[in-house]
Amino acid sequence: MKLRTNLGKALKISAIVLFVGLVGIQFIPANRNQSNVIPETDFIRTFEPPDDVQSVLRNSCYDCHSNNTRYPWYNNLQPAAWFMEGHITDGKKELNFSEFGTYSKRRQKSKLRSVISQIKAEEMPLPSYTWIHWDAKLSDKEKELIENWVSEVREGL
């Protein structure tokens, strides 16, 4: 009987510590990836894609691959905000549309080739992103639209 009482006490203390910890981390802010300025080096400003291409890129790519993320409500909760921050940081290291115009022509071609191959392989947008942002999942028509337009741009470089 004493073991059961001690176990119950330990569970209560653990639950309280966990609750206090979860509340406490809410006061530790995450970095925000938001800029009010769209630089001249931005992919869309540099290559001026048609409106339908711009819309797909902004909706499915720009949150993780630019300097301006549209944050959902749950980004105000930790540890979700830290998780998102990691994805955004990794995404921008790989490809940052806001700085695309600063890339060398060779790097631009390489990144555009990568965009096409990752869309074809359904690696982008990330499945973990489209589970929550279902509207960011690319339809077959959108995939074809992006692949064709990006191929044209790549050939013109």
N, C-alpha and C. Protein backbone atom coordinates (compact mmCIF):
# COMPACT_ATOMS: atom_id res chain seq x y z
N MET A 1 0.81 -1.19 0.00
CA MET A 1 0.00 0.00 0.00
C MET A 1 0.86 1.26 0.00
N LYS A 2 1.97 1.21 0.74
CA LYS A 2 2.86 2.36 0.82
C LYS A 2 3.48 2.66 -0.55
N LEU A 3 3.80 1.60 -1.31
CA LEU A 3 4.36 1.77 -2.65
C LEU A 3 3.38 2.51 -3.55
N ARG A 4 2.11 2.16 -3.45
CA ARG A 4 1.08 2.80 -4.26
C ARG A 4 0.95 4.28 -3.90
N THR A 5 1.03 4.61 -2.64
CA THR A 5 0.94 6.00 -2.18
C THR A 5 2.13 6.80 -2.68
N ASN A 6 3.32 6.21 -2.59
CA ASN A 6 4.53 6.90 -3.06
C ASN A 6 4.50 7.10 -4.57
N LEU A 7 3.99 6.09 -5.30
CA LEU A 7 3.89 6.20 -6.75
C LEU A 7 2.90 7.29 -7.14
N GLY A 8 1.78 7.36 -6.45
CA GLY A 8 0.79 8.40 -6.71
C GLY A 8 1.34 9.78 -6.44
N LYS A 9 2.10 9.90 -5.36
CA LYS A 9 2.73 11.19 -5.02
C LYS A 9 3.74 11.59 -6.10
N ALA A 10 4.54 10.61 -6.54
CA ALA A 10 5.55 10.89 -7.56
C ALA A 10 4.89 11.32 -8.88
N LEU A 11 3.78 10.68 -9.24
CA LEU A 11 3.07 11.06 -10.46
C LEU A 11 2.49 12.47 -10.36
N LYS A 12 1.94 12.81 -9.21
CA LYS A 12 1.40 14.15 -9.01
C LYS A 12 2.51 15.20 -9.11
N ILE A 13 3.63 14.94 -8.46
CA ILE A 13 4.75 15.89 -8.50
C ILE A 13 5.27 16.02 -9.93
N SER A 14 5.38 14.90 -10.64
CA SER A 14 5.84 14.93 -12.03
C SER A 14 4.89 15.73 -12.91
N ALA A 15 3.59 15.55 -12.71
CA ALA A 15 2.59 16.28 -13.50
C ALA A 15 2.67 17.78 -13.22
N ILE A 16 2.87 18.14 -11.96
CA ILE A 16 2.98 19.56 -11.60
C ILE A 16 4.24 20.17 -12.22
N VAL A 17 5.36 19.45 -12.13
CA VAL A 17 6.62 19.95 -12.71
C VAL A 17 6.48 20.10 -14.22
N LEU A 18 5.85 19.11 -14.87
CA LEU A 18 5.64 19.19 -16.32
C LEU A 18 4.76 20.38 -16.68
N PHE A 19 3.68 20.57 -15.93
CA PHE A 19 2.78 21.69 -16.19
C PHE A 19 3.49 23.03 -16.01
N VAL A 20 4.22 23.18 -14.92
CA VAL A 20 4.95 24.42 -14.66
C VAL A 20 5.99 24.65 -15.76
N GLY A 21 6.66 23.58 -16.17
CA GLY A 21 7.64 23.70 -17.25
C GLY A 21 7.01 24.15 -18.56
N LEU A 22 5.87 23.54 -18.92
CA LEU A 22 5.19 23.93 -20.16
C LEU A 22 4.70 25.38 -20.10
N VAL A 23 4.21 25.79 -18.97
CA VAL A 23 3.79 27.18 -18.82
C VAL A 23 5.01 28.10 -18.88
N GLY A 24 6.07 27.70 -18.20
CA GLY A 24 7.28 28.52 -18.15
C GLY A 24 7.91 28.76 -19.51
N ILE A 25 7.94 27.73 -20.36
CA ILE A 25 8.59 27.92 -21.67
C ILE A 25 7.80 28.84 -22.59
N GLN A 26 6.55 29.12 -22.24
CA GLN A 26 5.76 30.05 -23.05
C GLN A 26 6.34 31.47 -23.02
N PHE A 27 7.14 31.75 -22.00
CA PHE A 27 7.72 33.09 -21.86
C PHE A 27 9.07 33.22 -22.55
N ILE A 28 9.53 32.14 -23.18
CA ILE A 28 10.79 32.18 -23.93
C ILE A 28 10.42 32.35 -25.41
N PRO A 29 10.65 33.53 -25.97
CA PRO A 29 10.21 33.78 -27.34
C PRO A 29 11.07 33.06 -28.38
N ALA A 30 10.44 32.73 -29.48
CA ALA A 30 11.16 32.19 -30.64
C ALA A 30 11.49 33.34 -31.57
N ASN A 31 12.50 33.17 -32.38
CA ASN A 31 12.82 34.18 -33.39
C ASN A 31 11.70 34.21 -34.42
N ARG A 32 11.43 35.38 -34.94
CA ARG A 32 10.40 35.53 -35.97
C ARG A 32 11.08 35.84 -37.30
N ASN A 33 10.61 35.19 -38.33
CA ASN A 33 11.14 35.37 -39.67
C ASN A 33 10.19 36.26 -40.46
N GLN A 34 10.16 37.53 -40.10
CA GLN A 34 9.24 38.45 -40.76
C GLN A 34 9.94 39.74 -41.11
N SER A 35 9.86 40.07 -42.37
CA SER A 35 10.41 41.32 -42.86
C SER A 35 9.30 42.03 -43.63
N ASN A 36 9.18 43.30 -43.43
CA ASN A 36 8.17 44.06 -44.14
C ASN A 36 8.66 44.54 -45.51
N VAL A 37 9.91 44.25 -45.79
CA VAL A 37 10.53 44.71 -47.03
C VAL A 37 10.75 43.52 -47.96
N ILE A 38 10.32 43.68 -49.20
CA ILE A 38 10.63 42.66 -50.21
C ILE A 38 11.81 43.21 -50.99
N PRO A 39 12.98 42.59 -50.83
CA PRO A 39 14.19 43.15 -51.46
C PRO A 39 14.20 42.99 -52.98
N GLU A 40 15.02 43.80 -53.62
CA GLU A 40 15.18 43.72 -55.08
C GLU A 40 15.70 42.34 -55.49
N THR A 41 16.36 41.65 -54.58
CA THR A 41 16.96 40.34 -54.88
C THR A 41 15.95 39.20 -54.76
N ASP A 42 14.71 39.51 -54.40
CA ASP A 42 13.69 38.49 -54.24
C ASP A 42 13.41 37.80 -55.58
N PHE A 43 13.22 36.50 -55.55
CA PHE A 43 12.98 35.70 -56.75
C PHE A 43 11.85 36.26 -57.60
N ILE A 44 10.74 36.60 -56.96
CA ILE A 44 9.58 37.10 -57.70
C ILE A 44 9.86 38.46 -58.33
N ARG A 45 10.58 39.32 -57.63
CA ARG A 45 10.93 40.63 -58.21
C ARG A 45 11.95 40.47 -59.32
N THR A 46 12.85 39.52 -59.17
CA THR A 46 13.91 39.33 -60.16
C THR A 46 13.38 38.74 -61.46
N PHE A 47 12.51 37.71 -61.36
CA PHE A 47 12.08 36.99 -62.56
C PHE A 47 10.65 37.29 -63.00
N GLU A 48 9.90 38.03 -62.19
CA GLU A 48 8.54 38.45 -62.51
C GLU A 48 7.68 37.32 -63.10
N PRO A 49 7.45 36.28 -62.32
CA PRO A 49 6.61 35.19 -62.83
C PRO A 49 5.16 35.63 -62.99
N PRO A 50 4.39 34.90 -63.79
CA PRO A 50 2.96 35.20 -63.92
C PRO A 50 2.28 35.07 -62.55
N ASP A 51 1.13 35.69 -62.42
CA ASP A 51 0.41 35.71 -61.14
C ASP A 51 0.14 34.32 -60.58
N ASP A 52 -0.23 33.36 -61.45
CA ASP A 52 -0.54 32.02 -60.95
C ASP A 52 0.70 31.34 -60.38
N VAL A 53 1.86 31.57 -60.99
CA VAL A 53 3.11 31.01 -60.47
C VAL A 53 3.47 31.69 -59.15
N GLN A 54 3.34 33.00 -59.11
CA GLN A 54 3.60 33.74 -57.86
C GLN A 54 2.74 33.21 -56.72
N SER A 55 1.49 33.01 -57.00
CA SER A 55 0.55 32.54 -55.98
C SER A 55 0.98 31.18 -55.42
N VAL A 56 1.34 30.26 -56.28
CA VAL A 56 1.78 28.93 -55.84
C VAL A 56 3.07 29.03 -55.03
N LEU A 57 4.02 29.82 -55.51
CA LEU A 57 5.29 29.96 -54.79
C LEU A 57 5.06 30.55 -53.40
N ARG A 58 4.28 31.61 -53.32
CA ARG A 58 4.02 32.26 -52.02
C ARG A 58 3.28 31.31 -51.08
N ASN A 59 2.33 30.57 -51.60
CA ASN A 59 1.49 29.71 -50.78
C ASN A 59 2.21 28.43 -50.34
N SER A 60 3.07 27.89 -51.19
CA SER A 60 3.66 26.58 -50.91
C SER A 60 5.15 26.61 -50.58
N CYS A 61 5.83 27.72 -50.84
CA CYS A 61 7.28 27.74 -50.68
C CYS A 61 7.80 28.85 -49.75
N TYR A 62 7.21 30.01 -49.85
CA TYR A 62 7.80 31.20 -49.23
C TYR A 62 7.81 31.19 -47.70
N ASP A 63 6.91 30.45 -47.05
CA ASP A 63 6.92 30.45 -45.59
C ASP A 63 8.24 29.93 -45.02
N CYS A 64 8.82 28.94 -45.66
CA CYS A 64 10.08 28.37 -45.17
C CYS A 64 11.30 28.81 -45.98
N HIS A 65 11.08 29.34 -47.17
CA HIS A 65 12.20 29.65 -48.07
C HIS A 65 12.25 31.14 -48.44
N SER A 66 11.90 32.01 -47.51
CA SER A 66 12.04 33.45 -47.73
C SER A 66 12.23 34.12 -46.38
N ASN A 67 12.39 35.43 -46.41
CA ASN A 67 12.56 36.18 -45.16
C ASN A 67 11.24 36.68 -44.59
N ASN A 68 10.13 36.13 -45.06
CA ASN A 68 8.84 36.57 -44.56
C ASN A 68 7.89 35.39 -44.45
N THR A 69 7.72 34.91 -43.24
CA THR A 69 6.86 33.77 -42.96
C THR A 69 5.51 34.24 -42.46
N ARG A 70 4.46 33.61 -42.97
CA ARG A 70 3.10 33.83 -42.43
C ARG A 70 2.93 32.80 -41.31
N TYR A 71 2.84 33.26 -40.09
CA TYR A 71 2.78 32.35 -38.96
C TYR A 71 1.35 31.97 -38.60
N PRO A 72 1.11 30.68 -38.37
CA PRO A 72 -0.20 30.24 -37.90
C PRO A 72 -0.34 30.50 -36.39
N TRP A 73 -1.53 30.37 -35.88
CA TRP A 73 -1.81 30.64 -34.46
C TRP A 73 -0.94 29.81 -33.53
N TYR A 74 -0.68 28.55 -33.89
CA TYR A 74 0.05 27.67 -32.98
C TYR A 74 1.52 28.03 -32.86
N ASN A 75 1.99 28.96 -33.68
CA ASN A 75 3.37 29.40 -33.53
C ASN A 75 3.56 30.24 -32.27
N ASN A 76 2.47 30.61 -31.63
CA ASN A 76 2.56 31.34 -30.37
C ASN A 76 2.77 30.40 -29.18
N LEU A 77 2.77 29.10 -29.44
CA LEU A 77 2.93 28.11 -28.38
C LEU A 77 4.28 27.41 -28.50
N GLN A 78 4.95 27.30 -27.36
CA GLN A 78 6.19 26.53 -27.33
C GLN A 78 5.82 25.09 -26.95
N PRO A 79 6.46 24.11 -27.44
CA PRO A 79 7.65 24.09 -28.27
C PRO A 79 7.37 24.13 -29.78
N ALA A 80 6.12 24.32 -30.18
CA ALA A 80 5.78 24.36 -31.61
C ALA A 80 6.56 25.45 -32.34
N ALA A 81 6.72 26.61 -31.71
CA ALA A 81 7.44 27.73 -32.34
C ALA A 81 8.90 27.37 -32.59
N TRP A 82 9.52 26.67 -31.64
CA TRP A 82 10.91 26.27 -31.83
C TRP A 82 11.04 25.26 -32.97
N PHE A 83 10.08 24.35 -33.07
CA PHE A 83 10.07 23.37 -34.14
C PHE A 83 9.99 24.08 -35.50
N MET A 84 9.06 25.04 -35.60
CA MET A 84 8.91 25.80 -36.85
C MET A 84 10.16 26.60 -37.16
N GLU A 85 10.74 27.22 -36.13
CA GLU A 85 11.94 28.02 -36.32
C GLU A 85 13.06 27.17 -36.93
N GLY A 86 13.19 25.94 -36.45
CA GLY A 86 14.21 25.05 -37.00
C GLY A 86 13.96 24.73 -38.46
N HIS A 87 12.70 24.46 -38.81
CA HIS A 87 12.37 24.17 -40.21
C HIS A 87 12.65 25.37 -41.11
N ILE A 88 12.29 26.55 -40.65
CA ILE A 88 12.49 27.77 -41.44
C ILE A 88 13.97 28.06 -41.62
N THR A 89 14.74 27.92 -40.55
CA THR A 89 16.18 28.16 -40.63
C THR A 89 16.83 27.19 -41.61
N ASP A 90 16.47 25.91 -41.52
CA ASP A 90 17.01 24.90 -42.44
C ASP A 90 16.58 25.19 -43.88
N GLY A 91 15.31 25.56 -44.05
CA GLY A 91 14.81 25.85 -45.39
C GLY A 91 15.53 27.01 -46.04
N LYS A 92 15.77 28.07 -45.27
CA LYS A 92 16.46 29.25 -45.81
C LYS A 92 17.94 28.98 -46.09
N LYS A 93 18.56 28.08 -45.33
CA LYS A 93 19.95 27.71 -45.62
C LYS A 93 20.04 27.02 -46.97
N GLU A 94 19.03 26.22 -47.27
CA GLU A 94 19.03 25.46 -48.53
C GLU A 94 18.65 26.35 -49.72
N LEU A 95 17.63 27.18 -49.53
CA LEU A 95 17.15 28.05 -50.61
C LEU A 95 16.40 29.21 -49.99
N ASN A 96 16.85 30.43 -50.27
CA ASN A 96 16.17 31.61 -49.76
C ASN A 96 15.72 32.46 -50.95
N PHE A 97 14.43 32.41 -51.25
CA PHE A 97 13.90 33.17 -52.38
C PHE A 97 14.11 34.67 -52.22
N SER A 98 14.18 35.15 -50.98
CA SER A 98 14.39 36.59 -50.75
C SER A 98 15.78 37.03 -51.18
N GLU A 99 16.72 36.12 -51.22
CA GLU A 99 18.10 36.45 -51.58
C GLU A 99 18.54 35.79 -52.88
N PHE A 100 17.59 35.26 -53.64
CA PHE A 100 17.90 34.51 -54.85
C PHE A 100 18.71 35.32 -55.85
N GLY A 101 18.42 36.60 -55.96
CA GLY A 101 19.12 37.48 -56.90
C GLY A 101 20.59 37.67 -56.56
N THR A 102 21.00 37.35 -55.33
CA THR A 102 22.41 37.47 -54.94
C THR A 102 23.20 36.22 -55.30
N TYR A 103 22.52 35.13 -55.66
CA TYR A 103 23.21 33.89 -56.01
C TYR A 103 23.90 34.05 -57.37
N SER A 104 25.00 33.36 -57.55
CA SER A 104 25.66 33.34 -58.86
C SER A 104 24.73 32.64 -59.85
N LYS A 105 24.93 32.87 -61.14
CA LYS A 105 24.10 32.21 -62.17
C LYS A 105 24.18 30.70 -62.04
N ARG A 106 25.36 30.20 -61.75
CA ARG A 106 25.54 28.76 -61.61
C ARG A 106 24.72 28.22 -60.42
N ARG A 107 24.76 28.96 -59.33
CA ARG A 107 23.99 28.53 -58.15
C ARG A 107 22.49 28.66 -58.41
N GLN A 108 22.09 29.71 -59.11
CA GLN A 108 20.67 29.86 -59.45
C GLN A 108 20.19 28.67 -60.27
N LYS A 109 20.98 28.29 -61.28
CA LYS A 109 20.61 27.14 -62.12
C LYS A 109 20.50 25.88 -61.29
N SER A 110 21.45 25.69 -60.41
CA SER A 110 21.45 24.51 -59.55
C SER A 110 20.22 24.48 -58.64
N LYS A 111 19.90 25.62 -58.05
CA LYS A 111 18.74 25.70 -57.15
C LYS A 111 17.44 25.47 -57.93
N LEU A 112 17.35 26.01 -59.13
CA LEU A 112 16.14 25.80 -59.94
C LEU A 112 16.00 24.34 -60.35
N ARG A 113 17.12 23.70 -60.68
CA ARG A 113 17.08 22.27 -60.99
C ARG A 113 16.59 21.49 -59.77
N SER A 114 17.06 21.89 -58.60
CA SER A 114 16.65 21.25 -57.36
C SER A 114 15.16 21.45 -57.07
N VAL A 115 14.66 22.65 -57.36
CA VAL A 115 13.23 22.93 -57.18
C VAL A 115 12.41 21.94 -58.01
N ILE A 116 12.79 21.79 -59.26
CA ILE A 116 12.06 20.88 -60.16
C ILE A 116 12.12 19.44 -59.66
N SER A 117 13.32 18.98 -59.32
CA SER A 117 13.47 17.58 -58.90
C SER A 117 12.75 17.30 -57.59
N GLN A 118 12.77 18.25 -56.67
CA GLN A 118 12.10 18.02 -55.39
C GLN A 118 10.58 18.07 -55.52
N ILE A 119 10.08 18.87 -56.42
CA ILE A 119 8.64 18.88 -56.66
C ILE A 119 8.23 17.57 -57.32
N LYS A 120 8.99 17.12 -58.31
CA LYS A 120 8.68 15.86 -58.98
C LYS A 120 8.71 14.69 -58.00
N ALA A 121 9.66 14.69 -57.09
CA ALA A 121 9.80 13.62 -56.11
C ALA A 121 8.84 13.79 -54.92
N GLU A 122 8.06 14.85 -54.94
CA GLU A 122 7.11 15.18 -53.86
C GLU A 122 7.81 15.32 -52.51
N GLU A 123 9.04 15.85 -52.56
CA GLU A 123 9.79 16.12 -51.33
C GLU A 123 9.47 17.50 -50.79
N MET A 124 9.01 18.38 -51.66
CA MET A 124 8.63 19.73 -51.28
C MET A 124 7.26 20.04 -51.84
N PRO A 125 6.46 20.79 -51.10
CA PRO A 125 6.64 21.16 -49.71
C PRO A 125 6.70 19.92 -48.82
N LEU A 126 7.33 20.08 -47.67
CA LEU A 126 7.49 18.97 -46.73
C LEU A 126 6.13 18.39 -46.33
N PRO A 127 6.05 17.07 -46.26
CA PRO A 127 4.79 16.46 -45.79
C PRO A 127 4.36 16.99 -44.42
N SER A 128 5.31 17.23 -43.52
CA SER A 128 4.95 17.75 -42.19
C SER A 128 4.32 19.14 -42.29
N TYR A 129 4.63 19.88 -43.34
CA TYR A 129 4.04 21.20 -43.57
C TYR A 129 2.64 21.06 -44.17
N THR A 130 2.49 20.17 -45.14
CA THR A 130 1.20 20.04 -45.82
C THR A 130 0.16 19.29 -44.98
N TRP A 131 0.59 18.56 -43.96
CA TRP A 131 -0.39 17.94 -43.05
C TRP A 131 -1.23 19.01 -42.38
N ILE A 132 -0.60 20.12 -42.03
CA ILE A 132 -1.29 21.20 -41.33
C ILE A 132 -1.76 22.26 -42.31
N HIS A 133 -0.96 22.56 -43.31
CA HIS A 133 -1.28 23.57 -44.32
C HIS A 133 -1.70 22.83 -45.60
N TRP A 134 -2.86 22.21 -45.55
CA TRP A 134 -3.31 21.38 -46.65
C TRP A 134 -3.41 22.14 -47.96
N ASP A 135 -3.63 23.45 -47.90
CA ASP A 135 -3.74 24.25 -49.11
C ASP A 135 -2.38 24.47 -49.78
N ALA A 136 -1.28 24.12 -49.08
CA ALA A 136 0.05 24.27 -49.66
C ALA A 136 0.45 23.04 -50.48
N LYS A 137 -0.29 21.95 -50.34
CA LYS A 137 0.02 20.74 -51.11
C LYS A 137 -0.22 21.03 -52.59
N LEU A 138 0.75 20.70 -53.41
CA LEU A 138 0.67 21.03 -54.83
C LEU A 138 -0.20 20.02 -55.58
N SER A 139 -1.12 20.54 -56.35
CA SER A 139 -1.91 19.68 -57.23
C SER A 139 -1.04 19.31 -58.43
N ASP A 140 -1.48 18.35 -59.20
CA ASP A 140 -0.74 17.97 -60.41
C ASP A 140 -0.61 19.15 -61.36
N LYS A 141 -1.67 19.93 -61.46
CA LYS A 141 -1.65 21.10 -62.34
C LYS A 141 -0.63 22.13 -61.84
N GLU A 142 -0.58 22.36 -60.52
CA GLU A 142 0.38 23.32 -59.96
C GLU A 142 1.81 22.83 -60.12
N LYS A 143 2.02 21.53 -59.95
CA LYS A 143 3.36 20.96 -60.15
C LYS A 143 3.82 21.21 -61.58
N GLU A 144 2.96 20.92 -62.51
CA GLU A 144 3.29 21.11 -63.93
C GLU A 144 3.57 22.59 -64.23
N LEU A 145 2.73 23.46 -63.68
CA LEU A 145 2.89 24.90 -63.87
C LEU A 145 4.27 25.36 -63.38
N ILE A 146 4.63 24.99 -62.16
CA ILE A 146 5.91 25.41 -61.58
C ILE A 146 7.07 24.77 -62.33
N GLU A 147 6.99 23.49 -62.60
CA GLU A 147 8.07 22.80 -63.30
C GLU A 147 8.33 23.43 -64.67
N ASN A 148 7.28 23.69 -65.43
CA ASN A 148 7.44 24.28 -66.76
C ASN A 148 8.01 25.69 -66.69
N TRP A 149 7.47 26.51 -65.80
CA TRP A 149 7.93 27.89 -65.72
C TRP A 149 9.38 27.94 -65.21
N VAL A 150 9.69 27.17 -64.19
CA VAL A 150 11.06 27.16 -63.64
C VAL A 150 12.04 26.64 -64.70
N SER A 151 11.65 25.65 -65.47
CA SER A 151 12.51 25.14 -66.55
C SER A 151 12.82 26.23 -67.57
N GLU A 152 11.80 27.02 -67.92
CA GLU A 152 12.01 28.12 -68.87
C GLU A 152 12.99 29.15 -68.31
N VAL A 153 12.81 29.50 -67.05
CA VAL A 153 13.70 30.48 -66.41
C VAL A 153 15.12 29.94 -66.38
N ARG A 154 15.24 28.68 -66.01
CA ARG A 154 16.57 28.05 -65.91
C ARG A 154 17.28 28.06 -67.26
N GLU A 155 16.55 27.75 -68.32
CA GLU A 155 17.14 27.74 -69.66
C GLU A 155 17.58 29.14 -70.08
N GLY A 156 16.89 30.16 -69.58
CA GLY A 156 17.21 31.54 -69.94
C GLY A 156 18.39 32.13 -69.18
N LEU A 157 18.86 31.42 -68.18
CA LEU A 157 19.99 31.95 -67.40
C LEU A 157 21.31 31.79 -68.12
